[in-house]
PDB file of all heavy atoms in Angstrom:
ATOM      1  N   LEU A   1    -171.163 -17.940 -77.112  1.00  0.00           N
ATOM      2  CA  LEU A   1    -172.471 -18.365 -76.539  1.00  0.00           C
ATOM      3  C   LEU A   1    -173.583 -17.860 -77.476  1.00  0.00           C
ATOM      4  O   LEU A   1    -173.427 -16.837 -78.009  1.00  0.00           O
ATOM      5  CB  LEU A   1    -172.634 -18.084 -75.153  1.00  0.00           C
ATOM      6  CG  LEU A   1    -171.758 -18.660 -74.102  1.00  0.00           C
ATOM      7  CD1 LEU A   1    -172.114 -18.200 -72.743  1.00  0.00           C
ATOM      8  CD2 LEU A   1    -171.872 -20.244 -74.173  1.00  0.00           C
ATOM      9  N   PRO A   2    -174.743 -18.624 -77.591  1.00  0.00           N
ATOM     10  CA  PRO A   2    -175.839 -18.245 -78.384  1.00  0.00           C
ATOM     11  C   PRO A   2    -176.435 -16.862 -77.924  1.00  0.00           C
ATOM     12  O   PRO A   2    -176.423 -16.531 -76.666  1.00  0.00           O
ATOM     13  CB  PRO A   2    -176.893 -19.323 -78.264  1.00  0.00           C
ATOM     14  CG  PRO A   2    -176.313 -20.322 -77.402  1.00  0.00           C
ATOM     15  CD  PRO A   2    -174.952 -19.895 -76.906  1.00  0.00           C
ATOM     16  N   THR A   3    -176.954 -16.115 -78.785  1.00  0.00           N
ATOM     17  CA  THR A   3    -177.509 -14.904 -78.399  1.00  0.00           C
ATOM     18  C   THR A   3    -178.795 -14.809 -77.623  1.00  0.00           C
ATOM     19  O   THR A   3    -179.112 -14.020 -76.896  1.00  0.00           O
ATOM     20  CB  THR A   3    -177.842 -13.972 -79.674  1.00  0.00           C
ATOM     21  OG1 THR A   3    -178.668 -14.572 -80.521  1.00  0.00           O
ATOM     22  CG2 THR A   3    -176.467 -13.605 -80.396  1.00  0.00           C
ATOM     23  N   ASP A   4    -179.665 -15.939 -77.786  1.00  0.00           N
ATOM     24  CA  ASP A   4    -180.897 -16.059 -77.088  1.00  0.00           C
ATOM     25  C   ASP A   4    -180.612 -16.209 -75.508  1.00  0.00           C
ATOM     26  O   ASP A   4    -181.412 -15.696 -74.770  1.00  0.00           O
ATOM     27  CB  ASP A   4    -181.762 -17.281 -77.459  1.00  0.00           C
ATOM     28  CG  ASP A   4    -180.961 -18.652 -77.214  1.00  0.00           C
ATOM     29  OD1 ASP A   4    -179.684 -18.562 -77.228  1.00  0.00           O
ATOM     30  OD2 ASP A   4    -181.620 -19.593 -77.033  1.00  0.00           O
ATOM     31  N   PHE A   5    -179.630 -16.774 -75.235  1.00  0.00           N
ATOM     32  CA  PHE A   5    -179.203 -16.752 -73.739  1.00  0.00           C
ATOM     33  C   PHE A   5    -178.748 -15.507 -73.143  1.00  0.00           C
ATOM     34  O   PHE A   5    -179.136 -15.118 -72.057  1.00  0.00           O
ATOM     35  CB  PHE A   5    -178.168 -17.863 -73.463  1.00  0.00           C
ATOM     36  CG  PHE A   5    -177.573 -17.854 -72.087  1.00  0.00           C
ATOM     37  CD1 PHE A   5    -178.295 -18.291 -71.020  1.00  0.00           C
ATOM     38  CD2 PHE A   5    -176.386 -17.467 -71.974  1.00  0.00           C
ATOM     39  CE1 PHE A   5    -177.860 -18.242 -69.772  1.00  0.00           C
ATOM     40  CE2 PHE A   5    -175.719 -17.362 -70.722  1.00  0.00           C
ATOM     41  CZ  PHE A   5    -176.558 -17.795 -69.535  1.00  0.00           C
ATOM     42  N   LEU A   6    -178.116 -14.720 -73.939  1.00  0.00           N
ATOM     43  CA  LEU A   6    -177.402 -13.478 -73.513  1.00  0.00           C
ATOM     44  C   LEU A   6    -178.214 -12.211 -73.861  1.00  0.00           C
ATOM     45  O   LEU A   6    -177.801 -11.118 -73.584  1.00  0.00           O
ATOM     46  CB  LEU A   6    -176.044 -13.356 -74.293  1.00  0.00           C
ATOM     47  CG  LEU A   6    -175.082 -14.482 -73.949  1.00  0.00           C
ATOM     48  CD1 LEU A   6    -173.926 -14.367 -74.909  1.00  0.00           C
ATOM     49  CD2 LEU A   6    -174.656 -14.394 -72.586  1.00  0.00           C
ATOM     50  N   ASP A   7    -179.479 -12.317 -74.163  1.00  0.00           N
ATOM     51  CA  ASP A   7    -180.431 -11.257 -74.483  1.00  0.00           C
ATOM     52  C   ASP A   7    -179.648 -10.250 -75.481  1.00  0.00           C
ATOM     53  O   ASP A   7    -179.476  -9.074 -75.121  1.00  0.00           O
ATOM     54  CB  ASP A   7    -180.568 -10.522 -73.136  1.00  0.00           C
ATOM     55  CG  ASP A   7    -181.481 -11.419 -72.300  1.00  0.00           C
ATOM     56  OD1 ASP A   7    -182.186 -12.292 -72.691  1.00  0.00           O
ATOM     57  OD2 ASP A   7    -181.319 -11.226 -71.023  1.00  0.00           O
ATOM     58  N   ASN A   8    -179.334 -10.697 -76.640  1.00  0.00           N
ATOM     59  CA  ASN A   8    -178.644 -10.080 -77.655  1.00  0.00           C
ATOM     60  C   ASN A   8    -177.369  -9.464 -77.307  1.00  0.00           C
ATOM     61  O   ASN A   8    -176.782  -8.585 -77.941  1.00  0.00           O
ATOM     62  CB  ASN A   8    -179.580  -8.788 -77.941  1.00  0.00           C
ATOM     63  CG  ASN A   8    -181.000  -9.363 -78.588  1.00  0.00           C
ATOM     64  OD1 ASN A   8    -180.983 -10.365 -79.291  1.00  0.00           O
ATOM     65  ND2 ASN A   8    -182.089  -8.652 -78.352  1.00  0.00           N
ATOM     66  N   ASP A   9    -176.668 -10.015 -76.231  1.00  0.00           N
ATOM     67  CA  ASP A   9    -175.353  -9.692 -75.939  1.00  0.00           C
ATOM     68  C   ASP A   9    -174.454 -10.852 -76.189  1.00  0.00           C
ATOM     69  O   ASP A   9    -174.911 -11.969 -76.472  1.00  0.00           O
ATOM     70  CB  ASP A   9    -175.182  -9.292 -74.479  1.00  0.00           C
ATOM     71  CG  ASP A   9    -174.018  -8.545 -74.175  1.00  0.00           C
ATOM     72  OD1 ASP A   9    -173.196  -8.218 -75.199  1.00  0.00           O
ATOM     73  OD2 ASP A   9    -173.728  -8.244 -72.978  1.00  0.00           O
ATOM     74  N   THR A  10    -173.204 -10.755 -76.304  1.00  0.00           N
ATOM     75  CA  THR A  10    -172.349 -11.848 -76.587  1.00  0.00           C
ATOM     76  C   THR A  10    -171.233 -11.945 -75.577  1.00  0.00           C
ATOM     77  O   THR A  10    -170.838 -10.977 -74.896  1.00  0.00           O
ATOM     78  CB  THR A  10    -171.581 -11.646 -78.001  1.00  0.00           C
ATOM     79  OG1 THR A  10    -170.854 -10.464 -77.970  1.00  0.00           O
ATOM     80  CG2 THR A  10    -172.671 -11.562 -79.052  1.00  0.00           C
ATOM     81  N   ILE A  11    -170.760 -13.221 -75.458  1.00  0.00           N
ATOM     82  CA  ILE A  11    -169.635 -13.350 -74.545  1.00  0.00           C
ATOM     83  C   ILE A  11    -168.780 -14.630 -75.185  1.00  0.00           C
ATOM     84  O   ILE A  11    -169.388 -15.602 -75.740  1.00  0.00           O
ATOM     85  CB  ILE A  11    -170.013 -13.816 -73.086  1.00  0.00           C
ATOM     86  CG1 ILE A  11    -168.979 -13.836 -72.197  1.00  0.00           C
ATOM     87  CG2 ILE A  11    -170.862 -15.155 -73.099  1.00  0.00           C
ATOM     88  CD1 ILE A  11    -169.338 -13.873 -70.796  1.00  0.00           C
ATOM     89  N   MET A  12    -167.510 -14.545 -74.980  1.00  0.00           N
ATOM     90  CA  MET A  12    -166.607 -15.578 -75.535  1.00  0.00           C
ATOM     91  C   MET A  12    -166.090 -16.368 -74.261  1.00  0.00           C
ATOM     92  O   MET A  12    -165.693 -15.821 -73.306  1.00  0.00           O
ATOM     93  CB  MET A  12    -165.420 -14.872 -76.235  1.00  0.00           C
ATOM     94  CG  MET A  12    -165.861 -13.974 -77.428  1.00  0.00           C
ATOM     95  SD  MET A  12    -166.752 -14.952 -78.671  1.00  0.00           S
ATOM     96  CE  MET A  12    -165.303 -16.019 -79.324  1.00  0.00           C
ATOM     97  N   LEU A  13    -166.223 -17.680 -74.424  1.00  0.00           N
ATOM     98  CA  LEU A  13    -165.548 -18.537 -73.515  1.00  0.00           C
ATOM     99  C   LEU A  13    -164.435 -19.317 -74.121  1.00  0.00           C
ATOM    100  O   LEU A  13    -164.424 -19.564 -75.364  1.00  0.00           O
ATOM    101  CB  LEU A  13    -166.637 -19.603 -72.880  1.00  0.00           C
ATOM    102  CG  LEU A  13    -167.837 -18.920 -72.330  1.00  0.00           C
ATOM    103  CD1 LEU A  13    -168.759 -19.995 -71.674  1.00  0.00           C
ATOM    104  CD2 LEU A  13    -167.294 -18.217 -70.992  1.00  0.00           C
ATOM    105  N   LYS A  14    -163.519 -19.845 -73.338  1.00  0.00           N
ATOM    106  CA  LYS A  14    -162.390 -20.593 -73.858  1.00  0.00           C
ATOM    107  C   LYS A  14    -162.514 -22.047 -73.513  1.00  0.00           C
ATOM    108  O   LYS A  14    -162.895 -22.411 -72.360  1.00  0.00           O
ATOM    109  CB  LYS A  14    -161.093 -19.989 -73.200  1.00  0.00           C
ATOM    110  CG  LYS A  14    -160.680 -18.691 -73.631  1.00  0.00           C
ATOM    111  CD  LYS A  14    -159.415 -18.195 -73.067  1.00  0.00           C
ATOM    112  CE  LYS A  14    -159.077 -16.789 -73.412  1.00  0.00           C
ATOM    113  NZ  LYS A  14    -158.802 -16.730 -74.954  1.00  0.00           N
ATOM    114  N   ARG A  15    -162.213 -22.876 -74.493  1.00  0.00           N
ATOM    115  CA  ARG A  15    -162.181 -24.394 -74.318  1.00  0.00           C
ATOM    116  C   ARG A  15    -160.661 -24.673 -74.432  1.00  0.00           C
ATOM    117  O   ARG A  15    -160.058 -24.382 -75.422  1.00  0.00           O
ATOM    118  CB  ARG A  15    -162.971 -25.132 -75.410  1.00  0.00           C
ATOM    119  CG  ARG A  15    -162.905 -26.536 -75.212  1.00  0.00           C
ATOM    120  CD  ARG A  15    -163.881 -27.162 -76.179  1.00  0.00           C
ATOM    121  NE  ARG A  15    -163.627 -26.977 -77.511  1.00  0.00           N
ATOM    122  CZ  ARG A  15    -164.577 -27.114 -78.533  1.00  0.00           C
ATOM    123  NH1 ARG A  15    -165.694 -27.546 -78.211  1.00  0.00           N
ATOM    124  NH2 ARG A  15    -164.258 -26.869 -79.792  1.00  0.00           N
ATOM    125  N   ILE A  16    -160.121 -25.248 -73.444  1.00  0.00           N
ATOM    126  CA  ILE A  16    -158.715 -25.529 -73.376  1.00  0.00           C
ATOM    127  C   ILE A  16    -158.408 -27.059 -73.349  1.00  0.00           C
ATOM    128  O   ILE A  16    -158.967 -27.807 -72.499  1.00  0.00           O
ATOM    129  CB  ILE A  16    -158.040 -24.850 -72.045  1.00  0.00           C
ATOM    130  CG1 ILE A  16    -158.221 -23.305 -72.232  1.00  0.00           C
ATOM    131  CG2 ILE A  16    -156.589 -25.160 -71.969  1.00  0.00           C
ATOM    132  CD1 ILE A  16    -157.768 -22.587 -70.959  1.00  0.00           C
ATOM    133  N   ILE A  17    -157.566 -27.447 -74.244  1.00  0.00           N
ATOM    134  CA  ILE A  17    -157.042 -28.850 -74.286  1.00  0.00           C
ATOM    135  C   ILE A  17    -155.526 -28.749 -74.077  1.00  0.00           C
ATOM    136  O   ILE A  17    -154.872 -27.938 -74.859  1.00  0.00           O
ATOM    137  CB  ILE A  17    -157.443 -29.496 -75.497  1.00  0.00           C
ATOM    138  CG1 ILE A  17    -158.925 -29.566 -75.685  1.00  0.00           C
ATOM    139  CG2 ILE A  17    -156.920 -31.027 -75.599  1.00  0.00           C
ATOM    140  CD1 ILE A  17    -159.382 -30.102 -76.977  1.00  0.00           C
ATOM    141  N   SER A  18    -155.037 -29.523 -73.178  1.00  0.00           N
ATOM    142  CA  SER A  18    -153.553 -29.461 -72.906  1.00  0.00           C
ATOM    143  C   SER A  18    -152.868 -30.784 -73.133  1.00  0.00           C
ATOM    144  O   SER A  18    -153.428 -31.840 -72.739  1.00  0.00           O
ATOM    145  CB  SER A  18    -153.301 -28.869 -71.539  1.00  0.00           C
ATOM    146  OG  SER A  18    -153.848 -29.823 -70.537  1.00  0.00           O
ATOM    147  N   LYS A  19    -151.645 -30.721 -73.674  1.00  0.00           N
ATOM    148  CA  LYS A  19    -150.868 -32.009 -73.829  1.00  0.00           C
ATOM    149  C   LYS A  19    -149.626 -31.686 -72.935  1.00  0.00           C
ATOM    150  O   LYS A  19    -148.828 -30.630 -73.193  1.00  0.00           O
ATOM    151  CB  LYS A  19    -150.452 -32.137 -75.281  1.00  0.00           C
ATOM    152  CG  LYS A  19    -149.597 -33.308 -75.579  1.00  0.00           C
ATOM    153  CD  LYS A  19    -149.233 -33.371 -76.967  1.00  0.00           C
ATOM    154  CE  LYS A  19    -148.218 -34.619 -77.208  1.00  0.00           C
ATOM    155  NZ  LYS A  19    -147.674 -34.753 -78.519  1.00  0.00           N
ATOM    156  N   LYS A  20    -149.297 -32.625 -72.144  1.00  0.00           N
ATOM    157  CA  LYS A  20    -148.185 -32.528 -71.244  1.00  0.00           C
ATOM    158  C   LYS A  20    -147.213 -33.687 -71.510  1.00  0.00           C
ATOM    159  O   LYS A  20    -147.571 -34.859 -71.568  1.00  0.00           O
ATOM    160  CB  LYS A  20    -148.562 -32.496 -69.806  1.00  0.00           C
ATOM    161  CG  LYS A  20    -149.419 -31.300 -69.471  1.00  0.00           C
ATOM    162  CD  LYS A  20    -150.033 -31.462 -68.019  1.00  0.00           C
ATOM    163  CE  LYS A  20    -151.082 -30.359 -67.789  1.00  0.00           C
ATOM    164  NZ  LYS A  20    -151.672 -30.410 -66.321  1.00  0.00           N
ATOM    165  N   ASP A  21    -145.786 -33.316 -71.707  1.00  0.00           N
ATOM    166  CA  ASP A  21    -144.840 -34.342 -71.935  1.00  0.00           C
ATOM    167  C   ASP A  21    -143.736 -34.163 -70.918  1.00  0.00           C
ATOM    168  O   ASP A  21    -143.248 -33.105 -70.490  1.00  0.00           O
ATOM    169  CB  ASP A  21    -144.179 -34.036 -73.340  1.00  0.00           C
ATOM    170  CG  ASP A  21    -145.203 -34.265 -74.449  1.00  0.00           C
ATOM    171  OD1 ASP A  21    -145.803 -35.416 -74.483  1.00  0.00           O
ATOM    172  OD2 ASP A  21    -145.474 -33.265 -75.126  1.00  0.00           O
ATOM    173  N   PHE A  22    -143.379 -35.309 -70.404  1.00  0.00           N
ATOM    174  CA  PHE A  22    -142.258 -35.352 -69.258  1.00  0.00           C
ATOM    175  C   PHE A  22    -141.099 -36.312 -69.899  1.00  0.00           C
ATOM    176  O   PHE A  22    -141.351 -37.508 -70.144  1.00  0.00           O
ATOM    177  CB  PHE A  22    -142.679 -35.775 -68.032  1.00  0.00           C
ATOM    178  CG  PHE A  22    -141.738 -36.033 -66.970  1.00  0.00           C
ATOM    179  CD1 PHE A  22    -141.185 -34.977 -66.308  1.00  0.00           C
ATOM    180  CD2 PHE A  22    -141.208 -37.307 -66.725  1.00  0.00           C
ATOM    181  CE1 PHE A  22    -140.288 -35.080 -65.403  1.00  0.00           C
ATOM    182  CE2 PHE A  22    -140.228 -37.530 -65.810  1.00  0.00           C
ATOM    183  CZ  PHE A  22    -139.771 -36.372 -65.078  1.00  0.00           C
ATOM    184  N   PHE A  23    -139.834 -35.691 -69.851  1.00  0.00           N
ATOM    185  CA  PHE A  23    -138.684 -36.541 -70.428  1.00  0.00           C
ATOM    186  C   PHE A  23    -137.636 -36.636 -69.355  1.00  0.00           C
ATOM    187  O   PHE A  23    -137.499 -35.591 -68.568  1.00  0.00           O
ATOM    188  CB  PHE A  23    -138.071 -35.869 -71.669  1.00  0.00           C
ATOM    189  CG  PHE A  23    -139.066 -35.765 -72.787  1.00  0.00           C
ATOM    190  CD1 PHE A  23    -139.752 -34.634 -72.951  1.00  0.00           C
ATOM    191  CD2 PHE A  23    -139.206 -36.815 -73.712  1.00  0.00           C
ATOM    192  CE1 PHE A  23    -140.592 -34.495 -74.058  1.00  0.00           C
ATOM    193  CE2 PHE A  23    -139.985 -36.698 -74.689  1.00  0.00           C
ATOM    194  CZ  PHE A  23    -140.803 -35.539 -75.034  1.00  0.00           C
ATOM    195  N   GLN A  24    -137.102 -37.744 -69.161  1.00  0.00           N
ATOM    196  CA  GLN A  24    -135.980 -38.016 -68.227  1.00  0.00           C
ATOM    197  C   GLN A  24    -134.922 -38.654 -69.024  1.00  0.00           C
ATOM    198  O   GLN A  24    -135.084 -39.831 -69.435  1.00  0.00           O
ATOM    199  CB  GLN A  24    -136.250 -38.795 -67.018  1.00  0.00           C
ATOM    200  CG  GLN A  24    -135.155 -39.081 -66.015  1.00  0.00           C
ATOM    201  CD  GLN A  24    -135.545 -39.956 -64.917  1.00  0.00           C
ATOM    202  OE1 GLN A  24    -136.538 -39.707 -64.209  1.00  0.00           O
ATOM    203  NE2 GLN A  24    -134.756 -40.973 -64.593  1.00  0.00           N
ATOM    204  N   THR A  25    -133.690 -37.958 -69.188  1.00  0.00           N
ATOM    205  CA  THR A  25    -132.599 -38.592 -69.975  1.00  0.00           C
ATOM    206  C   THR A  25    -131.312 -38.457 -69.159  1.00  0.00           C
ATOM    207  O   THR A  25    -131.215 -37.716 -68.148  1.00  0.00           O
ATOM    208  CB  THR A  25    -132.388 -37.858 -71.297  1.00  0.00           C
ATOM    209  OG1 THR A  25    -132.135 -36.518 -71.067  1.00  0.00           O
ATOM    210  CG2 THR A  25    -133.584 -37.954 -72.320  1.00  0.00           C
ATOM    211  N   SER A  26    -130.273 -39.286 -69.556  1.00  0.00           N
ATOM    212  CA  SER A  26    -129.047 -39.375 -68.753  1.00  0.00           C
ATOM    213  C   SER A  26    -127.990 -38.562 -69.604  1.00  0.00           C
ATOM    214  O   SER A  26    -128.053 -38.658 -70.964  1.00  0.00           O
ATOM    215  CB  SER A  26    -128.558 -40.782 -68.642  1.00  0.00           C
ATOM    216  OG  SER A  26    -129.578 -41.546 -67.904  1.00  0.00           O
ATOM    217  N   THR A  27    -127.087 -37.897 -69.063  1.00  0.00           N
ATOM    218  CA  THR A  27    -126.122 -37.037 -69.709  1.00  0.00           C
ATOM    219  C   THR A  27    -124.716 -37.946 -69.750  1.00  0.00           C
ATOM    220  O   THR A  27    -124.479 -38.744 -68.826  1.00  0.00           O
ATOM    221  CB  THR A  27    -125.738 -35.828 -68.964  1.00  0.00           C
ATOM    222  OG1 THR A  27    -125.383 -36.075 -67.666  1.00  0.00           O
ATOM    223  CG2 THR A  27    -127.060 -34.897 -68.847  1.00  0.00           C
ATOM    224  N   ILE A  28    -124.001 -37.859 -70.819  1.00  0.00           N
ATOM    225  CA  ILE A  28    -122.798 -38.601 -71.032  1.00  0.00           C
ATOM    226  C   ILE A  28    -121.577 -37.655 -71.057  1.00  0.00           C
ATOM    227  O   ILE A  28    -121.479 -36.658 -71.830  1.00  0.00           O
ATOM    228  CB  ILE A  28    -122.901 -39.464 -72.303  1.00  0.00           C
ATOM    229  CG1 ILE A  28    -124.079 -40.293 -72.339  1.00  0.00           C
ATOM    230  CG2 ILE A  28    -121.547 -40.195 -72.556  1.00  0.00           C
ATOM    231  CD1 ILE A  28    -124.306 -41.130 -73.707  1.00  0.00           C
ATOM    232  N   ARG A  29    -120.534 -37.922 -70.168  1.00  0.00           N
ATOM    233  CA  ARG A  29    -119.395 -37.058 -70.176  1.00  0.00           C
ATOM    234  C   ARG A  29    -118.165 -37.745 -70.743  1.00  0.00           C
ATOM    235  O   ARG A  29    -117.289 -37.086 -71.225  1.00  0.00           O
ATOM    236  CB  ARG A  29    -119.128 -36.641 -68.634  1.00  0.00           C
ATOM    237  CG  ARG A  29    -120.276 -35.743 -68.115  1.00  0.00           C
ATOM    238  CD  ARG A  29    -119.922 -35.175 -66.776  1.00  0.00           C
ATOM    239  NE  ARG A  29    -120.953 -34.270 -66.187  1.00  0.00           N
ATOM    240  CZ  ARG A  29    -120.881 -33.686 -65.133  1.00  0.00           C
ATOM    241  NH1 ARG A  29    -119.764 -33.863 -64.334  1.00  0.00           N
ATOM    242  NH2 ARG A  29    -121.794 -32.903 -64.706  1.00  0.00           N
ATOM    243  N   ASN A  30    -118.133 -39.068 -70.608  1.00  0.00           N
ATOM    244  CA  ASN A  30    -117.081 -39.867 -71.098  1.00  0.00           C
ATOM    245  C   ASN A  30    -117.578 -41.124 -71.592  1.00  0.00           C
ATOM    246  O   ASN A  30    -118.689 -41.652 -71.323  1.00  0.00           O
ATOM    247  CB  ASN A  30    -115.884 -39.943 -70.160  1.00  0.00           C
ATOM    248  CG  ASN A  30    -116.427 -40.479 -68.803  1.00  0.00           C
ATOM    249  OD1 ASN A  30    -116.944 -41.582 -68.721  1.00  0.00           O
ATOM    250  ND2 ASN A  30    -116.282 -39.686 -67.833  1.00  0.00           N
ATOM    251  N   THR A  31    -116.641 -41.988 -72.285  1.00  0.00           N
ATOM    252  CA  THR A  31    -117.051 -43.289 -72.787  1.00  0.00           C
ATOM    253  C   THR A  31    -117.309 -44.276 -71.808  1.00  0.00           C
ATOM    254  O   THR A  31    -118.093 -45.250 -71.960  1.00  0.00           O
ATOM    255  CB  THR A  31    -115.994 -43.772 -73.795  1.00  0.00           C
ATOM    256  OG1 THR A  31    -114.811 -43.850 -73.033  1.00  0.00           O
ATOM    257  CG2 THR A  31    -115.732 -42.816 -74.933  1.00  0.00           C
ATOM    258  N   GLY A  32    -116.921 -44.007 -70.432  1.00  0.00           N
ATOM    259  CA  GLY A  32    -117.063 -45.061 -69.418  1.00  0.00           C
ATOM    260  C   GLY A  32    -118.494 -45.008 -68.902  1.00  0.00           C
ATOM    261  O   GLY A  32    -118.878 -45.965 -68.201  1.00  0.00           O
TER     262      GLY A  32
END
């Protein structure tokens, strides 16, 4: 954050972007 807001102090903030993937697959045990 800018120093003018913090009265010459500093602070770190986190910006978080997330990517979520969902997979559903079938398992094969034999040729049938």
